[in-house]
Amino acid sequence: MCSPPAKTLQAGASGGDTVPKTRNRARRLLQSGAVNAGRVAIMGAMQQDTEERFKTGLQVIGILGLLGIVSMLFHKGFVDISVLWQQHSGADFLAALARYFFKNLAG
């Protein structure tokens, strides 16, 4: 079993008792109002984090909506082309596809 270094076993090896120094520092921070400023900063950061999450959520919803629209367009195109293929098989298919495409440019 390994023993800790000798410095940590000696009392006061870190330059004195740090508990009163920490208490005094905390007392000074409370009296100066720096803790309240820190709380305000944390609350502001939390609000910004909430806004960023909301924006990210809206972006995800928008992307999913666009994917849905694009997938519906591709599905409709696939169905239309497959029906056209069934009606005009062989060499007539490309001419029928060109007629269909130019006839339906608006939609």
PDB file of N, CA and C in Angstrom:
ATOM      1  N   MET A   1       0.841  -1.177   0.000  1.00  0.00           N
ATOM      2  CA  MET A   1       0.000   0.000   0.000  1.00  0.00           C
ATOM      3  C   MET A   1       0.882   1.234   0.000  1.00  0.00           C
ATOM      4  N   CYS A   2       0.553   2.179  -0.786  1.00  0.00           N
ATOM      5  CA  CYS A   2       1.367   3.378  -0.960  1.00  0.00           C
ATOM      6  C   CYS A   2       0.939   4.433   0.048  1.00  0.00           C
ATOM      7  N   SER A   3       1.874   5.076   0.712  1.00  0.00           N
ATOM      8  CA  SER A   3       1.536   6.121   1.676  1.00  0.00           C
ATOM      9  C   SER A   3       1.595   7.486   0.993  1.00  0.00           C
ATOM     10  N   PRO A   4       0.764   8.439   1.447  1.00  0.00           N
ATOM     11  CA  PRO A   4       0.753   9.759   0.840  1.00  0.00           C
ATOM     12  C   PRO A   4       2.070  10.489   1.111  1.00  0.00           C
ATOM     13  N   PRO A   5       2.369  11.516   0.350  1.00  0.00           N
ATOM     14  CA  PRO A   5       3.602  12.281   0.571  1.00  0.00           C
ATOM     15  C   PRO A   5       3.644  12.886   1.968  1.00  0.00           C
ATOM     16  N   ALA A   6       4.825  13.136   2.430  1.00  0.00           N
ATOM     17  CA  ALA A   6       5.024  13.624   3.803  1.00  0.00           C
ATOM     18  C   ALA A   6       4.441  15.011   4.001  1.00  0.00           C
ATOM     19  N   LYS A   7       4.391  15.850   3.007  1.00  0.00           N
ATOM     20  CA  LYS A   7       3.878  17.210   3.161  1.00  0.00           C
ATOM     21  C   LYS A   7       2.414  17.210   3.583  1.00  0.00           C
ATOM     22  N   THR A   8       1.619  16.283   3.049  1.00  0.00           N
ATOM     23  CA  THR A   8       0.201  16.278   3.386  1.00  0.00           C
ATOM     24  C   THR A   8      -0.044  15.768   4.796  1.00  0.00           C
ATOM     25  N   LEU A   9       0.902  15.042   5.350  1.00  0.00           N
ATOM     26  CA  LEU A   9       0.729  14.548   6.709  1.00  0.00           C
ATOM     27  C   LEU A   9       1.116  15.580   7.752  1.00  0.00           C
ATOM     28  N   GLN A  10       1.908  16.566   7.386  1.00  0.00           N
ATOM     29  CA  GLN A  10       2.342  17.575   8.346  1.00  0.00           C
ATOM     30  C   GLN A  10       1.244  18.611   8.542  1.00  0.00           C
ATOM     31  N   ALA A  11       1.021  18.992   9.769  1.00  0.00           N
ATOM     32  CA  ALA A  11       0.027  20.010  10.058  1.00  0.00           C
ATOM     33  C   ALA A  11       0.579  21.361   9.628  1.00  0.00           C
ATOM     34  N   GLY A  12      -0.190  22.113   8.883  1.00  0.00           N
ATOM     35  CA  GLY A  12       0.230  23.449   8.478  1.00  0.00           C
ATOM     36  C   GLY A  12       1.228  23.453   7.344  1.00  0.00           C
ATOM     37  N   ALA A  13       1.364  22.389   6.609  1.00  0.00           N
ATOM     38  CA  ALA A  13       2.335  22.326   5.530  1.00  0.00           C
ATOM     39  C   ALA A  13       1.955  23.265   4.383  1.00  0.00           C
ATOM     40  N   SER A  14       0.668  23.639   4.277  1.00  0.00           N
ATOM     41  CA  SER A  14       0.243  24.493   3.181  1.00  0.00           C
ATOM     42  C   SER A  14       0.396  25.970   3.507  1.00  0.00           C
ATOM     43  N   GLY A  15       1.034  26.298   4.585  1.00  0.00           N
ATOM     44  CA  GLY A  15       1.264  27.701   4.917  1.00  0.00           C
ATOM     45  C   GLY A  15       0.318  28.215   5.977  1.00  0.00           C
ATOM     46  N   GLY A  16      -0.315  27.367   6.714  1.00  0.00           N
ATOM     47  CA  GLY A  16      -1.212  27.801   7.774  1.00  0.00           C
ATOM     48  C   GLY A  16      -2.576  27.173   7.603  1.00  0.00           C
ATOM     49  N   ASP A  17      -3.437  27.448   8.563  1.00  0.00           N
ATOM     50  CA  ASP A  17      -4.786  26.904   8.542  1.00  0.00           C
ATOM     51  C   ASP A  17      -5.611  27.680   7.520  1.00  0.00           C
ATOM     52  N   THR A  18      -6.168  27.017   6.552  1.00  0.00           N
ATOM     53  CA  THR A  18      -6.883  27.697   5.475  1.00  0.00           C
ATOM     54  C   THR A  18      -8.364  27.875   5.760  1.00  0.00           C
ATOM     55  N   VAL A  19      -8.912  27.205   6.769  1.00  0.00           N
ATOM     56  CA  VAL A  19     -10.350  27.322   7.048  1.00  0.00           C
ATOM     57  C   VAL A  19     -10.715  28.740   7.474  1.00  0.00           C
ATOM     58  N   PRO A  20      -9.994  29.388   8.398  1.00  0.00           N
ATOM     59  CA  PRO A  20     -10.353  30.780   8.728  1.00  0.00           C
ATOM     60  C   PRO A  20     -10.185  31.717   7.536  1.00  0.00           C
ATOM     61  N   LYS A  21      -9.180  31.479   6.698  1.00  0.00           N
ATOM     62  CA  LYS A  21      -8.995  32.339   5.520  1.00  0.00           C
ATOM     63  C   LYS A  21     -10.186  32.205   4.575  1.00  0.00           C
ATOM     64  N   THR A  22     -10.659  30.995   4.402  1.00  0.00           N
ATOM     65  CA  THR A  22     -11.805  30.766   3.524  1.00  0.00           C
ATOM     66  C   THR A  22     -13.054  31.406   4.101  1.00  0.00           C
ATOM     67  N   ARG A  23     -13.240  31.290   5.398  1.00  0.00           N
ATOM     68  CA  ARG A  23     -14.407  31.909   6.045  1.00  0.00           C
ATOM     69  C   ARG A  23     -14.353  33.422   5.915  1.00  0.00           C
ATOM     70  N   ASN A  24     -13.173  33.992   6.112  1.00  0.00           N
ATOM     71  CA  ASN A  24     -13.038  35.444   5.980  1.00  0.00           C
ATOM     72  C   ASN A  24     -13.310  35.895   4.538  1.00  0.00           C
ATOM     73  N   ARG A  25     -12.827  35.127   3.569  1.00  0.00           N
ATOM     74  CA  ARG A  25     -13.057  35.467   2.167  1.00  0.00           C
ATOM     75  C   ARG A  25     -14.558  35.388   1.851  1.00  0.00           C
ATOM     76  N   ALA A  26     -15.227  34.372   2.345  1.00  0.00           N
ATOM     77  CA  ALA A  26     -16.661  34.235   2.110  1.00  0.00           C
ATOM     78  C   ALA A  26     -17.428  35.376   2.767  1.00  0.00           C
ATOM     79  N   ARG A  27     -17.024  35.748   3.972  1.00  0.00           N
ATOM     80  CA  ARG A  27     -17.680  36.851   4.673  1.00  0.00           C
ATOM     81  C   ARG A  27     -17.516  38.158   3.900  1.00  0.00           C
ATOM     82  N   ARG A  28     -16.294  38.394   3.359  1.00  0.00           N
ATOM     83  CA  ARG A  28     -16.056  39.617   2.585  1.00  0.00           C
ATOM     84  C   ARG A  28     -16.867  39.620   1.292  1.00  0.00           C
ATOM     85  N   LEU A  29     -16.989  38.478   0.650  1.00  0.00           N
ATOM     86  CA  LEU A  29     -17.785  38.405  -0.573  1.00  0.00           C
ATOM     87  C   LEU A  29     -19.257  38.693  -0.301  1.00  0.00           C
ATOM     88  N   LEU A  30     -19.762  38.166   0.797  1.00  0.00           N
ATOM     89  CA  LEU A  30     -21.155  38.420   1.147  1.00  0.00           C
ATOM     90  C   LEU A  30     -21.383  39.896   1.442  1.00  0.00           C
ATOM     91  N   GLN A  31     -20.448  40.507   2.147  1.00  0.00           N
ATOM     92  CA  GLN A  31     -20.594  41.917   2.491  1.00  0.00           C
ATOM     93  C   GLN A  31     -20.446  42.818   1.268  1.00  0.00           C
ATOM     94  N   SER A  32     -19.637  42.437   0.311  1.00  0.00           N
ATOM     95  CA  SER A  32     -19.411  43.289  -0.862  1.00  0.00           C
ATOM     96  C   SER A  32     -20.525  43.186  -1.896  1.00  0.00           C
ATOM     97  N   GLY A  33     -21.359  42.172  -1.823  1.00  0.00           N
ATOM     98  CA  GLY A  33     -22.432  42.005  -2.782  1.00  0.00           C
ATOM     99  C   GLY A  33     -21.997  41.263  -4.034  1.00  0.00           C
ATOM    100  N   ALA A  34     -20.777  40.765  -4.049  1.00  0.00           N
ATOM    101  CA  ALA A  34     -20.281  40.047  -5.221  1.00  0.00           C
ATOM    102  C   ALA A  34     -21.038  38.741  -5.428  1.00  0.00           C
ATOM    103  N   VAL A  35     -21.530  38.160  -4.351  1.00  0.00           N
ATOM    104  CA  VAL A  35     -22.278  36.911  -4.474  1.00  0.00           C
ATOM    105  C   VAL A  35     -23.589  37.164  -5.217  1.00  0.00           C
ATOM    106  N   ASN A  36     -24.262  38.277  -4.890  1.00  0.00           N
ATOM    107  CA  ASN A  36     -25.505  38.600  -5.593  1.00  0.00           C
ATOM    108  C   ASN A  36     -25.245  38.863  -7.070  1.00  0.00           C
ATOM    109  N   ALA A  37     -24.142  39.526  -7.371  1.00  0.00           N
ATOM    110  CA  ALA A  37     -23.787  39.767  -8.770  1.00  0.00           C
ATOM    111  C   ALA A  37     -23.526  38.434  -9.475  1.00  0.00           C
ATOM    112  N   GLY A  38     -22.896  37.520  -8.762  1.00  0.00           N
ATOM    113  CA  GLY A  38     -22.653  36.200  -9.327  1.00  0.00           C
ATOM    114  C   GLY A  38     -23.949  35.460  -9.590  1.00  0.00           C
ATOM    115  N   ARG A  39     -24.902  35.594  -8.663  1.00  0.00           N
ATOM    116  CA  ARG A  39     -26.206  34.958  -8.856  1.00  0.00           C
ATOM    117  C   ARG A  39     -26.917  35.538 -10.071  1.00  0.00           C
ATOM    118  N   VAL A  40     -26.846  36.855 -10.219  1.00  0.00           N
ATOM    119  CA  VAL A  40     -27.475  37.504 -11.375  1.00  0.00           C
ATOM    120  C   VAL A  40     -26.819  37.023 -12.663  1.00  0.00           C
ATOM    121  N   ALA A  41     -25.496  36.880 -12.662  1.00  0.00           N
ATOM    122  CA  ALA A  41     -24.788  36.400 -13.849  1.00  0.00           C
ATOM    123  C   ALA A  41     -25.187  34.964 -14.179  1.00  0.00           C
ATOM    124  N   ILE A  42     -25.329  34.135 -13.144  1.00  0.00           N
ATOM    125  CA  ILE A  42     -25.727  32.744 -13.366  1.00  0.00           C
ATOM    126  C   ILE A  42     -27.148  32.682 -13.919  1.00  0.00           C
ATOM    127  N   MET A  43     -28.049  33.510 -13.375  1.00  0.00           N
ATOM    128  CA  MET A  43     -29.424  33.517 -13.870  1.00  0.00           C
ATOM    129  C   MET A  43     -29.466  33.991 -15.323  1.00  0.00           C
ATOM    130  N   GLY A  44     -28.655  34.987 -15.659  1.00  0.00           N
ATOM    131  CA  GLY A  44     -28.595  35.457 -17.035  1.00  0.00           C
ATOM    132  C   GLY A  44     -28.082  34.378 -17.964  1.00  0.00           C
ATOM    133  N   ALA A  45     -27.064  33.651 -17.510  1.00  0.00           N
ATOM    134  CA  ALA A  45     -26.523  32.567 -18.325  1.00  0.00           C
ATOM    135  C   ALA A  45     -27.552  31.457 -18.503  1.00  0.00           C
ATOM    136  N   MET A  46     -28.314  31.167 -17.465  1.00  0.00           N
ATOM    137  CA  MET A  46     -29.349  30.140 -17.571  1.00  0.00           C
ATOM    138  C   MET A  46     -30.438  30.570 -18.545  1.00  0.00           C
ATOM    139  N   GLN A  47     -30.793  31.868 -18.531  1.00  0.00           N
ATOM    140  CA  GLN A  47     -31.807  32.355 -19.456  1.00  0.00           C
ATOM    141  C   GLN A  47     -31.298  32.277 -20.890  1.00  0.00           C
ATOM    142  N   GLN A  48     -30.029  32.641 -21.109  1.00  0.00           N
ATOM    143  CA  GLN A  48     -29.464  32.535 -22.455  1.00  0.00           C
ATOM    144  C   GLN A  48     -29.425  31.082 -22.896  1.00  0.00           C
ATOM    145  N   ASP A  49     -29.110  30.175 -21.971  1.00  0.00           N
ATOM    146  CA  ASP A  49     -29.075  28.753 -22.299  1.00  0.00           C
ATOM    147  C   ASP A  49     -30.463  28.266 -22.700  1.00  0.00           C
ATOM    148  N   THR A  50     -31.494  28.734 -22.009  1.00  0.00           N
ATOM    149  CA  THR A  50     -32.863  28.359 -22.340  1.00  0.00           C
ATOM    150  C   THR A  50     -33.240  28.883 -23.716  1.00  0.00           C
ATOM    151  N   GLU A  51     -32.847  30.122 -24.014  1.00  0.00           N
ATOM    152  CA  GLU A  51     -33.141  30.686 -25.331  1.00  0.00           C
ATOM    153  C   GLU A  51     -32.427  29.911 -26.430  1.00  0.00           C
ATOM    154  N   GLU A  52     -31.190  29.517 -26.185  1.00  0.00           N
ATOM    155  CA  GLU A  52     -30.441  28.751 -27.183  1.00  0.00           C
ATOM    156  C   GLU A  52     -31.082  27.383 -27.409  1.00  0.00           C
ATOM    157  N   ARG A  53     -31.547  26.750 -26.347  1.00  0.00           N
ATOM    158  CA  ARG A  53     -32.224  25.455 -26.498  1.00  0.00           C
ATOM    159  C   ARG A  53     -33.513  25.605 -27.296  1.00  0.00           C
ATOM    160  N   PHE A  54     -34.246  26.697 -27.033  1.00  0.00           N
ATOM    161  CA  PHE A  54     -35.488  26.949 -27.759  1.00  0.00           C
ATOM    162  C   PHE A  54     -35.196  27.145 -29.244  1.00  0.00           C
ATOM    163  N   LYS A  55     -34.171  27.941 -29.547  1.00  0.00           N
ATOM    164  CA  LYS A  55     -33.801  28.169 -30.954  1.00  0.00           C
ATOM    165  C   LYS A  55     -33.360  26.866 -31.618  1.00  0.00           C
ATOM    166  N   THR A  56     -32.599  26.064 -30.907  1.00  0.00           N
ATOM    167  CA  THR A  56     -32.158  24.782 -31.455  1.00  0.00           C
ATOM    168  C   THR A  56     -33.349  23.867 -31.701  1.00  0.00           C
ATOM    169  N   GLY A  57     -34.306  23.865 -30.792  1.00  0.00           N
ATOM    170  CA  GLY A  57     -35.517  23.067 -30.977  1.00  0.00           C
ATOM    171  C   GLY A  57     -36.313  23.508 -32.201  1.00  0.00           C
ATOM    172  N   LEU A  58     -36.427  24.819 -32.396  1.00  0.00           N
ATOM    173  CA  LEU A  58     -37.122  25.316 -33.580  1.00  0.00           C
ATOM    174  C   LEU A  58     -36.391  24.928 -34.861  1.00  0.00           C
ATOM    175  N   GLN A  59     -35.054  24.966 -34.830  1.00  0.00           N
ATOM    176  CA  GLN A  59     -34.283  24.552 -36.000  1.00  0.00           C
ATOM    177  C   GLN A  59     -34.517  23.076 -36.321  1.00  0.00           C
ATOM    178  N   VAL A  60     -34.562  22.240 -35.294  1.00  0.00           N
ATOM    179  CA  VAL A  60     -34.801  20.808 -35.504  1.00  0.00           C
ATOM    180  C   VAL A  60     -36.184  20.594 -36.111  1.00  0.00           C
ATOM    181  N   ILE A  61     -37.188  21.296 -35.590  1.00  0.00           N
ATOM    182  CA  ILE A  61     -38.547  21.171 -36.125  1.00  0.00           C
ATOM    183  C   ILE A  61     -38.594  21.645 -37.574  1.00  0.00           C
ATOM    184  N   GLY A  62     -37.908  22.748 -37.875  1.00  0.00           N
ATOM    185  CA  GLY A  62     -37.866  23.254 -39.247  1.00  0.00           C
ATOM    186  C   GLY A  62     -37.202  22.282 -40.203  1.00  0.00           C
ATOM    187  N   ILE A  63     -36.090  21.696 -39.770  1.00  0.00           N
ATOM    188  CA  ILE A  63     -35.381  20.731 -40.617  1.00  0.00           C
ATOM    189  C   ILE A  63     -36.247  19.501 -40.870  1.00  0.00           C
ATOM    190  N   LEU A  64     -36.909  19.007 -39.820  1.00  0.00           N
ATOM    191  CA  LEU A  64     -37.793  17.852 -39.994  1.00  0.00           C
ATOM    192  C   LEU A  64     -38.957  18.177 -40.933  1.00  0.00           C
ATOM    193  N   GLY A  65     -39.504  19.387 -40.838  1.00  0.00           N
ATOM    194  CA  GLY A  65     -40.575  19.796 -41.742  1.00  0.00           C
ATOM    195  C   GLY A  65     -40.113  19.852 -43.191  1.00  0.00           C
ATOM    196  N   LEU A  66     -38.912  20.416 -43.408  1.00  0.00           N
ATOM    197  CA  LEU A  66     -38.377  20.452 -44.771  1.00  0.00           C
ATOM    198  C   LEU A  66     -38.123  19.055 -45.318  1.00  0.00           C
ATOM    199  N   LEU A  67     -37.609  18.174 -44.476  1.00  0.00           N
ATOM    200  CA  LEU A  67     -37.404  16.788 -44.908  1.00  0.00           C
ATOM    201  C   LEU A  67     -38.721  16.122 -45.279  1.00  0.00           C
ATOM    202  N   GLY A  68     -39.768  16.413 -44.523  1.00  0.00           N
ATOM    203  CA  GLY A  68     -41.085  15.855 -44.844  1.00  0.00           C
ATOM    204  C   GLY A  68     -41.606  16.356 -46.178  1.00  0.00           C
ATOM    205  N   ILE A  69     -41.453  17.659 -46.421  1.00  0.00           N
ATOM    206  CA  ILE A  69     -41.923  18.221 -47.685  1.00  0.00           C
ATOM    207  C   ILE A  69     -41.148  17.634 -48.857  1.00  0.00           C
ATOM    208  N   VAL A  70     -39.823  17.563 -48.733  1.00  0.00           N
ATOM    209  CA  VAL A  70     -39.000  17.023 -49.819  1.00  0.00           C
ATOM    210  C   VAL A  70     -39.321  15.552 -50.053  1.00  0.00           C
ATOM    211  N   SER A  71     -39.537  14.799 -48.978  1.00  0.00           N
ATOM    212  CA  SER A  71     -39.861  13.379 -49.159  1.00  0.00           C
ATOM    213  C   SER A  71     -41.225  13.206 -49.835  1.00  0.00           C
ATOM    214  N   MET A  72     -42.193  14.084 -49.527  1.00  0.00           N
ATOM    215  CA  MET A  72     -43.488  14.002 -50.216  1.00  0.00           C
ATOM    216  C   MET A  72     -43.341  14.311 -51.702  1.00  0.00           C
ATOM    217  N   LEU A  73     -42.516  15.310 -52.041  1.00  0.00           N
ATOM    218  CA  LEU A  73     -42.301  15.632 -53.453  1.00  0.00           C
ATOM    219  C   LEU A  73     -41.662  14.469 -54.201  1.00  0.00           C
ATOM    220  N   PHE A  74     -40.629  13.863 -53.596  1.00  0.00           N
ATOM    221  CA  PHE A  74     -39.991  12.721 -54.248  1.00  0.00           C
ATOM    222  C   PHE A  74     -40.948  11.531 -54.379  1.00  0.00           C
ATOM    223  N   HIS A  75     -41.770  11.325 -53.361  1.00  0.00           N
ATOM    224  CA  HIS A  75     -42.729  10.224 -53.421  1.00  0.00           C
ATOM    225  C   HIS A  75     -43.728  10.446 -54.547  1.00  0.00           C
ATOM    226  N   LYS A  76     -44.252  11.669 -54.644  1.00  0.00           N
ATOM    227  CA  LYS A  76     -45.208  11.971 -55.719  1.00  0.00           C
ATOM    228  C   LYS A  76     -44.537  11.800 -57.081  1.00  0.00           C
ATOM    229  N   GLY A  77     -43.322  12.257 -57.228  1.00  0.00           N
ATOM    230  CA  GLY A  77     -42.608  12.097 -58.494  1.00  0.00           C
ATOM    231  C   GLY A  77     -42.388  10.636 -58.834  1.00  0.00           C
ATOM    232  N   PHE A  78     -42.019   9.849 -57.843  1.00  0.00           N
ATOM    233  CA  PHE A  78     -41.802   8.416 -58.071  1.00  0.00           C
ATOM    234  C   PHE A  78     -43.085   7.732 -58.505  1.00  0.00           C
ATOM    235  N   VAL A  79     -44.193   8.062 -57.848  1.00  0.00           N
ATOM    236  CA  VAL A  79     -45.482   7.452 -58.198  1.00  0.00           C
ATOM    237  C   VAL A  79     -45.890   7.866 -59.606  1.00  0.00           C
ATOM    238  N   ASP A  80     -45.744   9.150 -59.935  1.00  0.00           N
ATOM    239  CA  ASP A  80     -46.129   9.616 -61.269  1.00  0.00           C
ATOM    240  C   ASP A  80     -45.289   8.950 -62.354  1.00  0.00           C
ATOM    241  N   ILE A  81     -43.993   8.835 -62.126  1.00  0.00           N
ATOM    242  CA  ILE A  81     -43.112   8.218 -63.125  1.00  0.00           C
ATOM    243  C   ILE A  81     -43.413   6.726 -63.260  1.00  0.00           C
ATOM    244  N   SER A  82     -43.709   6.057 -62.153  1.00  0.00           N
ATOM    245  CA  SER A  82     -44.005   4.625 -62.251  1.00  0.00           C
ATOM    246  C   SER A  82     -45.328   4.382 -62.991  1.00  0.00           C
ATOM    247  N   VAL A  83     -46.345   5.251 -62.781  1.00  0.00           N
ATOM    248  CA  VAL A  83     -47.601   5.126 -63.529  1.00  0.00           C
ATOM    249  C   VAL A  83     -47.347   5.403 -65.004  1.00  0.00           C
ATOM    250  N   LEU A  84     -46.514   6.394 -65.288  1.00  0.00           N
ATOM    251  CA  LEU A  84     -46.181   6.714 -66.677  1.00  0.00           C
ATOM    252  C   LEU A  84     -45.427   5.562 -67.332  1.00  0.00           C
ATOM    253  N   TRP A  85     -44.566   4.904 -66.569  1.00  0.00           N
ATOM    254  CA  TRP A  85     -43.809   3.746 -67.088  1.00  0.00           C
ATOM    255  C   TRP A  85     -44.755   2.587 -67.422  1.00  0.00           C
ATOM    256  N   GLN A  86     -45.779   2.397 -66.588  1.00  0.00           N
ATOM    257  CA  GLN A  86     -46.742   1.321 -66.847  1.00  0.00           C
ATOM    258  C   GLN A  86     -47.583   1.613 -68.092  1.00  0.00           C
ATOM    259  N   GLN A  87     -47.908   2.889 -68.288  1.00  0.00           N
ATOM    260  CA  GLN A  87     -48.736   3.254 -69.434  1.00  0.00           C
ATOM    261  C   GLN A  87     -47.930   3.289 -70.732  1.00  0.00           C
ATOM    262  N   HIS A  88     -46.667   3.686 -70.683  1.00  0.00           N
ATOM    263  CA  HIS A  88     -45.831   3.856 -71.879  1.00  0.00           C
ATOM    264  C   HIS A  88     -44.535   3.095 -71.687  1.00  0.00           C
ATOM    265  N   SER A  89     -44.558   1.822 -71.844  1.00  0.00           N
ATOM    266  CA  SER A  89     -43.330   1.042 -71.686  1.00  0.00           C
ATOM    267  C   SER A  89     -42.539   1.054 -72.987  1.00  0.00           C
ATOM    268  N   GLY A  90     -41.259   0.826 -72.860  1.00  0.00           N
ATOM    269  CA  GLY A  90     -40.409   0.755 -74.048  1.00  0.00           C
ATOM    270  C   GLY A  90     -39.853   2.110 -74.450  1.00  0.00           C
ATOM    271  N   ALA A  91     -39.669   2.290 -75.766  1.00  0.00           N
ATOM    272  CA  ALA A  91     -39.032   3.498 -76.297  1.00  0.00           C
ATOM    273  C   ALA A  91     -39.935   4.714 -76.191  1.00  0.00           C
ATOM    274  N   ASP A  92     -41.227   4.507 -76.072  1.00  0.00           N
ATOM    275  CA  ASP A  92     -42.175   5.626 -75.972  1.00  0.00           C
ATOM    276  C   ASP A  92     -42.126   6.308 -74.597  1.00  0.00           C
ATOM    277  N   PHE A  93     -41.468   5.675 -73.627  1.00  0.00           N
ATOM    278  CA  PHE A  93     -41.463   6.212 -72.264  1.00  0.00           C
ATOM    279  C   PHE A  93     -40.777   7.574 -72.178  1.00  0.00           C
ATOM    280  N   LEU A  94     -39.624   7.734 -72.816  1.00  0.00           N
ATOM    281  CA  LEU A  94     -38.896   9.004 -72.713  1.00  0.00           C
ATOM    282  C   LEU A  94     -39.685  10.146 -73.344  1.00  0.00           C
ATOM    283  N   ALA A  95     -40.334   9.904 -74.470  1.00  0.00           N
ATOM    284  CA  ALA A  95     -41.167  10.942 -75.095  1.00  0.00           C
ATOM    285  C   ALA A  95     -42.352  11.285 -74.200  1.00  0.00           C
ATOM    286  N   ALA A  96     -42.963  10.272 -73.603  1.00  0.00           N
ATOM    287  CA  ALA A  96     -44.096  10.511 -72.689  1.00  0.00           C
ATOM    288  C   ALA A  96     -43.629  11.261 -71.439  1.00  0.00           C
ATOM    289  N   LEU A  97     -42.444  10.927 -70.952  1.00  0.00           N
ATOM    290  CA  LEU A  97     -41.895  11.619 -69.778  1.00  0.00           C
ATOM    291  C   LEU A  97     -41.632  13.087 -70.098  1.00  0.00           C
ATOM    292  N   ALA A  98     -41.073  13.371 -71.267  1.00  0.00           N
ATOM    293  CA  ALA A  98     -40.828  14.758 -71.673  1.00  0.00           C
ATOM    294  C   ALA A  98     -42.147  15.516 -71.808  1.00  0.00           C
ATOM    295  N   ARG A  99     -43.165  14.900 -72.423  1.00  0.00           N
ATOM    296  CA  ARG A  99     -44.475  15.557 -72.528  1.00  0.00           C
ATOM    297  C   ARG A  99     -45.058  15.823 -71.152  1.00  0.00           C
ATOM    298  N   TYR A 100     -44.968  14.836 -70.261  1.00  0.00           N
ATOM    299  CA  TYR A 100     -45.501  14.986 -68.900  1.00  0.00           C
ATOM    300  C   TYR A 100     -44.774  16.101 -68.150  1.00  0.00           C
ATOM    301  N   PHE A 101     -43.467  16.131 -68.290  1.00  0.00           N
ATOM    302  CA  PHE A 101     -42.672  17.144 -67.594  1.00  0.00           C
ATOM    303  C   PHE A 101     -43.025  18.544 -68.073  1.00  0.00           C
ATOM    304  N   PHE A 102     -43.075  18.762 -69.384  1.00  0.00           N
ATOM    305  CA  PHE A 102     -43.348  20.102 -69.902  1.00  0.00           C
ATOM    306  C   PHE A 102     -44.807  20.501 -69.736  1.00  0.00           C
ATOM    307  N   LYS A 103     -45.692  19.530 -69.661  1.00  0.00           N
ATOM    308  CA  LYS A 103     -47.114  19.825 -69.447  1.00  0.00           C
ATOM    309  C   LYS A 103     -47.356  20.265 -67.991  1.00  0.00           C
ATOM    310  N   ASN A 104     -46.576  19.703 -67.063  1.00  0.00           N
ATOM    311  CA  ASN A 104     -46.800  19.950 -65.629  1.00  0.00           C
ATOM    312  C   ASN A 104     -45.699  20.803 -65.003  1.00  0.00           C
ATOM    313  N   LEU A 105     -45.181  21.774 -65.708  1.00  0.00           N
ATOM    314  CA  LEU A 105     -44.126  22.613 -65.131  1.00  0.00           C
ATOM    315  C   LEU A 105     -44.627  23.420 -63.930  1.00  0.00           C
ATOM    316  N   ALA A 106     -45.863  23.817 -63.923  1.00  0.00           N
ATOM    317  CA  ALA A 106     -46.378  24.631 -62.832  1.00  0.00           C
ATOM    318  C   ALA A 106     -46.689  23.821 -61.594  1.00  0.00           C
ATOM    319  N   GLY A 107     -46.764  22.534 -61.697  1.00  0.00           N
ATOM    320  CA  GLY A 107     -47.089  21.808 -60.479  1.00  0.00           C
ATOM    321  C   GLY A 107     -47.132  20.384 -60.744  1.00  0.00           C
TER     322      GLY A 107
END
